[in-house]
Amino acid sequence: MSALLVFSPAIFWCILFTWSYRKEPRQFKNAIFFLLMLVFALGACAIYTDEIGIVLLLGIAIPFAPIITVGFLLVNAWIVIRREGFSLPNVLPALFALAIVAWIIGIPVAIGISHSRVVVSLSALLLVLGLWFFFSFVALLVYSWFYRKLPRKRRFDYIIIHGAGLKGEEPTPLLRGRIDKALELWSAQGCSAILVPSGGQGSDEVISEAEAMSRYMLRLGVPREAILPEDQSTTTMENLVFAKNLLDARQATPYRCAFVTSDYHVFRTALYASHVGLKGDGVGSRTASYYFPTAFIREFIAITKEHWMPYVILTIMWVTSVLAPYFGQLLRVFLPSQ
């Protein structure tokens, strides 16, 4: 079998990914193209080299991956709750694990209990939707890592720092990590950019997050003229919209921004920035490893809420396949044979 034939699916997805990435790297579909490219490339390597080890590895990994994932998520939820306290966001890994178990066990059990056409058909729909859900989760996880690891050698005119809560009038450790990362980037390009701390005052906060960040940077020796606070926003999208309004009013010529946030939040921030028309790159500060799964699941849910169309398309395809036999019957009724 020729190499071109074996690798042609991988080459196709590689070309599609490269074209989409060069057009705009901050797109959700890039994650799908990227994972498909990797999967087909790995499969092609296994076939072309006749490497049985790769096939065996995939054969072992696929059935055991859900078990390992469920175990990891349950342990992670226990660690997060112990360190951060009990709350809905902190139990997300456990809920995610239970969803995987319910999906894996529930479908065959439902079919085993009832062999009716309705149950089998609904189970098929849940199977397809679940496969897309987990595939897109893995795709986003892999691509967001890839996006974060890309070198950032551009110079930025503005460095937007996203808020992350306060403790009294001081930034939380998570927020200090973001500020420190922004100052590291600012220093690396000769302290030439304007720092834009972005975050309003929450109902339980005595000052705005932008003000707390500004005070923190001033104590570290950053000149006041290098700081341009945005103190009205309450969400990631508002951070970007209000910052853009501030920068557009200040500068009529094109400019480029860095969006500094926690590493798990980088891709969603960059995605939203592309939606509002801000040119630039996401830059991430390090998150504690034990908290990363919880935070990333929240990011995935937020992005999935905005990219719900694949679920609608799959459901429409399912409805069409279910109703197809009845369409034929209706045609025979209204268009009897001569």
Protein backbone atom coordinates (compact mmCIF):
# COMPACT_ATOMS: atom_id res chain seq x y z
CA MET A 1 0.00 0.00 0.00
CA SER A 2 1.49 3.33 -1.05
CA ALA A 3 2.45 5.92 1.56
CA LEU A 4 0.33 8.59 -0.16
CA LEU A 5 -2.80 6.45 0.10
CA VAL A 6 -2.18 5.57 3.74
CA PHE A 7 -1.38 9.11 4.83
CA SER A 8 -3.92 10.90 2.60
CA PRO A 9 -6.57 11.32 5.36
CA ALA A 10 -3.94 12.75 7.71
CA ILE A 11 -2.65 15.03 4.94
CA PHE A 12 -6.20 16.23 4.23
CA TRP A 13 -6.81 17.19 7.89
CA CYS A 14 -3.33 18.71 8.10
CA ILE A 15 -4.03 20.98 5.11
CA LEU A 16 -7.44 21.93 6.50
CA PHE A 17 -6.00 22.65 9.95
CA THR A 18 -3.10 24.68 8.53
CA TRP A 19 -5.43 26.77 6.37
CA SER A 20 -7.84 27.40 9.27
CA TYR A 21 -5.02 28.12 11.72
CA ARG A 22 -3.31 30.62 9.42
CA LYS A 23 -6.65 32.33 8.85
CA GLU A 24 -7.40 32.60 12.58
CA PRO A 25 -5.74 30.45 15.29
CA ARG A 26 -8.40 31.38 17.86
CA GLN A 27 -11.19 29.12 16.55
CA PHE A 28 -12.91 26.14 18.15
CA LYS A 29 -12.94 24.21 14.87
CA ASN A 30 -9.13 24.27 14.87
CA ALA A 31 -9.24 21.95 17.88
CA ILE A 32 -11.35 19.43 15.93
CA PHE A 33 -9.13 19.60 12.84
CA PHE A 34 -5.99 19.29 14.96
CA LEU A 35 -7.14 16.16 16.80
CA LEU A 36 -8.38 14.50 13.61
CA MET A 37 -4.99 15.20 12.03
CA LEU A 38 -3.20 13.58 14.98
CA VAL A 39 -5.52 10.55 15.09
CA PHE A 40 -5.24 9.82 11.37
CA ALA A 41 -1.48 10.42 11.40
CA LEU A 42 -1.02 7.96 14.26
CA GLY A 43 -3.23 5.38 12.54
CA ALA A 44 -1.36 5.85 9.26
CA CYS A 45 1.98 5.36 11.01
CA ALA A 46 0.72 2.13 12.57
CA ILE A 47 -0.51 0.81 9.20
CA TYR A 48 2.44 1.93 7.07
CA THR A 49 5.19 0.77 9.41
CA ASP A 50 3.26 -2.36 10.36
CA GLU A 51 4.14 -1.48 13.94
CA ILE A 52 2.13 -3.89 16.07
CA GLY A 53 3.14 -2.02 19.22
CA ILE A 54 1.12 1.05 18.25
CA VAL A 55 -1.92 -1.08 17.46
CA LEU A 56 -1.62 -2.92 20.78
CA LEU A 57 -1.17 0.35 22.64
CA LEU A 58 -4.34 1.75 21.07
CA GLY A 59 -6.17 -1.51 21.73
CA ILE A 60 -5.28 -1.32 25.42
CA ALA A 61 -5.71 2.43 25.80
CA ILE A 62 -9.17 2.74 24.25
CA PRO A 63 -11.06 0.36 26.58
CA PHE A 64 -9.13 1.36 29.71
CA ALA A 65 -9.11 5.12 29.10
CA PRO A 66 -12.65 5.66 30.48
CA ILE A 67 -11.85 3.68 33.65
CA ILE A 68 -8.61 5.59 34.22
CA THR A 69 -10.35 8.90 33.49
CA VAL A 70 -13.19 8.20 35.94
CA GLY A 71 -10.74 7.20 38.67
CA PHE A 72 -8.59 10.27 38.10
CA LEU A 73 -11.58 12.64 38.15
CA LEU A 74 -12.96 11.20 41.39
CA VAL A 75 -9.59 11.46 43.13
CA ASN A 76 -9.13 14.98 41.77
CA ALA A 77 -12.56 16.06 43.05
CA TRP A 78 -11.68 14.74 46.51
CA ILE A 79 -8.39 16.69 46.52
CA VAL A 80 -10.01 19.93 45.30
CA ILE A 81 -12.82 19.72 47.89
CA ARG A 82 -10.31 19.09 50.67
CA ARG A 83 -8.20 22.10 49.68
CA GLU A 84 -10.79 24.54 48.35
CA GLY A 85 -13.98 23.52 50.18
CA PHE A 86 -17.26 22.08 48.95
CA SER A 87 -18.98 23.98 46.11
CA LEU A 88 -20.61 23.15 42.79
CA PRO A 89 -17.57 24.17 40.71
CA ASN A 90 -15.32 22.04 42.91
CA VAL A 91 -17.43 18.89 42.47
CA LEU A 92 -17.44 19.22 38.66
CA PRO A 93 -14.78 16.50 38.20
CA ALA A 94 -16.94 14.06 40.20
CA LEU A 95 -20.06 15.00 38.23
CA PHE A 96 -18.11 14.59 34.99
CA ALA A 97 -16.95 11.15 36.12
CA LEU A 98 -20.52 10.10 36.99
CA ALA A 99 -21.69 11.30 33.57
CA ILE A 100 -19.07 9.07 31.89
CA VAL A 101 -20.17 6.07 33.99
CA ALA A 102 -23.86 6.73 33.27
CA TRP A 103 -23.17 7.03 29.55
CA ILE A 104 -21.06 3.85 29.34
CA ILE A 105 -23.35 1.70 31.48
CA GLY A 106 -26.73 3.31 30.84
CA ILE A 107 -26.93 2.72 27.08
CA PRO A 108 -26.34 -1.07 27.04
CA VAL A 109 -28.49 -1.50 30.18
CA ALA A 110 -31.38 0.39 28.56
CA ILE A 111 -31.14 -1.73 25.42
CA GLY A 112 -30.89 -4.91 27.51
CA ILE A 113 -34.00 -4.06 29.50
CA SER A 114 -36.09 -3.04 26.52
CA HIS A 115 -35.47 -4.07 22.92
CA SER A 116 -38.12 -1.67 21.64
CA ARG A 117 -37.29 0.37 18.57
CA VAL A 118 -37.75 3.62 20.48
CA VAL A 119 -35.26 2.68 23.21
CA VAL A 120 -32.69 1.42 20.72
CA SER A 121 -33.09 4.56 18.60
CA LEU A 122 -32.76 6.91 21.58
CA SER A 123 -29.73 4.94 22.78
CA ALA A 124 -28.12 5.40 19.38
CA LEU A 125 -28.68 9.16 19.63
CA LEU A 126 -27.17 9.30 23.13
CA LEU A 127 -24.22 7.25 21.90
CA VAL A 128 -23.50 9.65 19.04
CA LEU A 129 -23.97 12.79 21.15
CA GLY A 130 -21.76 11.33 23.88
CA LEU A 131 -19.03 10.43 21.39
CA TRP A 132 -19.04 13.99 20.05
CA PHE A 133 -19.03 15.40 23.60
CA PHE A 134 -15.96 13.42 24.66
CA PHE A 135 -14.19 13.84 21.32
CA SER A 136 -14.61 17.61 21.46
CA PHE A 137 -13.45 17.62 25.09
CA VAL A 138 -10.22 15.82 24.19
CA ALA A 139 -9.80 18.02 21.10
CA LEU A 140 -10.12 21.20 23.14
CA LEU A 141 -7.78 19.88 25.83
CA VAL A 142 -5.09 18.99 23.28
CA TYR A 143 -5.44 22.13 21.17
CA SER A 144 -5.58 24.53 24.13
CA TRP A 145 -2.28 23.01 25.32
CA PHE A 146 -0.84 23.42 21.82
CA TYR A 147 -2.07 27.03 21.61
CA ARG A 148 -0.55 27.91 24.99
CA LYS A 149 2.82 26.42 24.08
CA LEU A 150 3.25 28.39 20.86
CA PRO A 151 6.10 30.92 21.13
CA ARG A 152 4.99 34.53 21.67
CA LYS A 153 7.73 36.58 20.01
CA ARG A 154 5.51 39.49 18.95
CA ARG A 155 5.63 42.85 20.65
CA PHE A 156 2.39 43.98 22.21
CA ASP A 157 1.07 47.51 22.51
CA TYR A 158 -1.23 46.61 25.40
CA ILE A 159 -1.22 43.83 27.98
CA ILE A 160 -4.73 43.13 29.29
CA ILE A 161 -4.81 41.38 32.68
CA HIS A 162 -8.04 39.56 33.49
CA GLY A 163 -9.40 39.80 37.02
CA ALA A 164 -9.77 36.75 39.28
CA GLY A 165 -11.18 37.89 42.62
CA LEU A 166 -9.81 39.68 45.68
CA LYS A 167 -9.07 38.86 49.28
CA GLY A 168 -10.00 42.05 51.07
CA GLU A 169 -8.23 44.73 49.04
CA GLU A 170 -5.47 42.43 47.83
CA PRO A 171 -5.31 40.19 44.75
CA THR A 172 -5.79 36.48 45.41
CA PRO A 173 -2.81 34.17 44.72
CA LEU A 174 -4.46 33.22 41.42
CA LEU A 175 -4.73 36.87 40.40
CA ARG A 176 -1.20 37.67 41.58
CA GLY A 177 0.01 34.91 39.27
CA ARG A 178 -1.68 36.63 36.35
CA ILE A 179 -0.23 40.03 37.27
CA ASP A 180 3.27 38.60 37.69
CA LYS A 181 3.03 36.88 34.30
CA ALA A 182 1.94 40.16 32.71
CA LEU A 183 4.86 42.02 34.33
CA GLU A 184 7.23 39.31 33.11
CA LEU A 185 5.96 39.83 29.57
CA TRP A 186 6.07 43.62 30.01
CA SER A 187 9.69 43.52 31.21
CA ALA A 188 10.71 41.14 28.41
CA GLN A 189 9.76 43.72 25.79
CA GLY A 190 11.49 46.63 27.47
CA CYS A 191 8.56 47.91 29.57
CA SER A 192 7.14 49.50 26.42
CA ALA A 193 3.53 48.29 26.57
CA ILE A 194 0.60 49.74 28.51
CA LEU A 195 -0.75 47.43 31.22
CA VAL A 196 -4.56 47.18 31.33
CA PRO A 197 -5.80 45.61 34.58
CA SER A 198 -9.40 44.64 33.87
CA GLY A 199 -12.11 43.87 36.44
CA GLY A 200 -14.94 45.65 38.18
CA GLN A 201 -16.04 45.64 41.80
CA GLY A 202 -18.00 42.56 42.84
CA SER A 203 -20.86 42.66 45.31
CA ASP A 204 -18.58 41.22 48.00
CA GLU A 205 -15.53 43.37 47.16
CA VAL A 206 -14.58 46.71 48.73
CA ILE A 207 -12.68 47.97 45.66
CA SER A 208 -12.57 47.01 41.99
CA GLU A 209 -10.21 44.27 40.85
CA ALA A 210 -8.61 46.77 38.46
CA GLU A 211 -7.82 49.10 41.37
CA ALA A 212 -6.35 46.27 43.47
CA MET A 213 -4.20 45.14 40.54
CA SER A 214 -3.04 48.71 39.90
CA ARG A 215 -1.99 49.16 43.54
CA TYR A 216 -0.12 45.85 43.45
CA MET A 217 1.81 46.89 40.33
CA LEU A 218 2.57 50.36 41.70
CA ARG A 219 4.11 48.75 44.81
CA LEU A 220 6.34 46.72 42.49
CA GLY A 221 7.63 49.91 40.86
CA VAL A 222 5.49 50.09 37.71
CA PRO A 223 5.02 53.74 36.69
CA ARG A 224 1.45 55.01 36.99
CA GLU A 225 1.51 56.22 33.37
CA ALA A 226 2.09 52.60 32.25
CA ILE A 227 -1.21 51.48 33.82
CA LEU A 228 -4.63 51.99 32.19
CA PRO A 229 -7.33 50.44 34.43
CA GLU A 230 -10.66 49.10 33.16
CA ASP A 231 -12.88 48.86 36.24
CA GLN A 232 -16.42 48.17 34.98
CA SER A 233 -16.37 44.58 33.70
CA THR A 234 -17.69 41.52 35.55
CA THR A 235 -17.14 38.70 33.01
CA THR A 236 -14.43 37.59 30.61
CA MET A 237 -16.37 38.89 27.63
CA GLU A 238 -16.93 42.25 29.34
CA ASN A 239 -13.21 42.41 30.19
CA LEU A 240 -12.47 42.32 26.48
CA VAL A 241 -15.36 44.48 25.23
CA PHE A 242 -14.78 47.27 27.76
CA ALA A 243 -11.00 47.11 27.31
CA LYS A 244 -11.45 47.37 23.53
CA ASN A 245 -13.69 50.42 23.94
CA LEU A 246 -11.04 51.98 26.18
CA LEU A 247 -8.20 51.26 23.75
CA ASP A 248 -10.14 52.29 20.64
CA ALA A 249 -10.87 55.66 22.25
CA ARG A 250 -7.19 56.05 23.11
CA GLN A 251 -5.61 54.89 19.85
CA ALA A 252 -6.98 55.19 16.32
CA THR A 253 -4.17 53.22 14.65
CA PRO A 254 -4.06 49.38 14.70
CA TYR A 255 -2.68 47.84 17.88
CA ARG A 256 -1.95 44.38 19.25
CA CYS A 257 -2.77 43.01 22.69
CA ALA A 258 -1.71 40.20 24.98
CA PHE A 259 -4.53 38.71 27.05
CA VAL A 260 -2.98 37.48 30.29
CA THR A 261 -5.00 35.01 32.32
CA SER A 262 -4.59 31.60 33.94
CA ASP A 263 -3.34 28.83 31.65
CA TYR A 264 -6.64 26.91 31.69
CA HIS A 265 -8.47 30.10 30.62
CA VAL A 266 -6.17 31.17 27.77
CA PHE A 267 -7.96 29.62 24.81
CA ARG A 268 -11.47 30.78 25.79
CA THR A 269 -10.13 34.29 26.38
CA ALA A 270 -8.42 34.30 22.97
CA LEU A 271 -11.61 32.91 21.40
CA TYR A 272 -13.72 35.70 22.88
CA ALA A 273 -11.10 38.27 21.85
CA SER A 274 -11.46 37.15 18.23
CA HIS A 275 -15.25 37.55 18.54
CA VAL A 276 -14.96 41.18 19.69
CA GLY A 277 -12.27 42.07 17.14
CA LEU A 278 -9.22 42.39 19.38
CA LYS A 279 -5.99 41.35 17.69
CA GLY A 280 -3.50 39.56 19.88
CA ASP A 281 -2.51 36.40 21.70
CA GLY A 282 -3.45 34.70 24.94
CA VAL A 283 -0.71 34.25 27.53
CA GLY A 284 -1.19 31.99 30.53
CA SER A 285 0.04 32.02 34.11
CA ARG A 286 0.51 28.72 35.88
CA THR A 287 -2.39 27.11 37.74
CA ALA A 288 -1.95 24.62 40.58
CA SER A 289 -1.96 21.15 38.99
CA TYR A 290 -4.63 19.80 41.34
CA TYR A 291 -7.04 22.58 40.33
CA PHE A 292 -6.47 22.42 36.57
CA PRO A 293 -9.01 19.62 35.77
CA THR A 294 -11.80 21.42 37.64
CA ALA A 295 -11.01 24.71 35.94
CA PHE A 296 -10.69 23.16 32.48
CA ILE A 297 -14.05 21.38 32.76
CA ARG A 298 -15.65 24.75 33.50
CA GLU A 299 -13.92 26.19 30.43
CA PHE A 300 -15.15 23.32 28.27
CA ILE A 301 -18.74 23.76 29.45
CA ALA A 302 -18.58 27.50 28.72
CA ILE A 303 -17.22 26.92 25.20
CA THR A 304 -19.69 24.09 24.51
CA LYS A 305 -22.60 26.41 25.40
CA GLU A 306 -21.44 28.67 22.57
CA HIS A 307 -20.79 25.83 20.09
CA TRP A 308 -24.01 23.84 20.41
CA MET A 309 -24.71 23.54 16.68
CA PRO A 310 -23.03 20.10 16.23
CA TYR A 311 -25.48 18.66 18.78
CA VAL A 312 -28.40 20.17 16.84
CA ILE A 313 -27.08 18.82 13.53
CA LEU A 314 -26.57 15.33 14.95
CA THR A 315 -30.07 15.37 16.44
CA ILE A 316 -31.61 16.51 13.14
CA MET A 317 -29.76 13.72 11.34
CA TRP A 318 -31.11 11.25 13.90
CA VAL A 319 -34.68 12.53 13.54
CA THR A 320 -34.37 12.31 9.76
CA SER A 321 -33.15 8.70 9.93
CA VAL A 322 -35.97 7.74 12.32
CA LEU A 323 -38.68 9.36 10.20
CA ALA A 324 -37.29 8.21 6.82
CA PRO A 325 -39.39 4.99 6.68
CA TYR A 326 -42.55 6.99 7.38
CA PHE A 327 -41.75 9.39 4.54
CA GLY A 328 -41.88 6.45 2.15
CA GLN A 329 -45.25 5.35 3.50
CA LEU A 330 -46.65 8.87 3.14
CA LEU A 331 -45.43 9.06 -0.44
CA ARG A 332 -47.18 5.78 -1.25
CA VAL A 333 -50.40 7.15 0.27
CA PHE A 334 -50.37 10.47 -1.57
CA LEU A 335 -48.72 9.21 -4.74
CA PRO A 336 -50.27 5.79 -5.40
CA SER A 337 -48.72 3.78 -8.18
CA GLN A 338 -50.54 3.88 -11.50
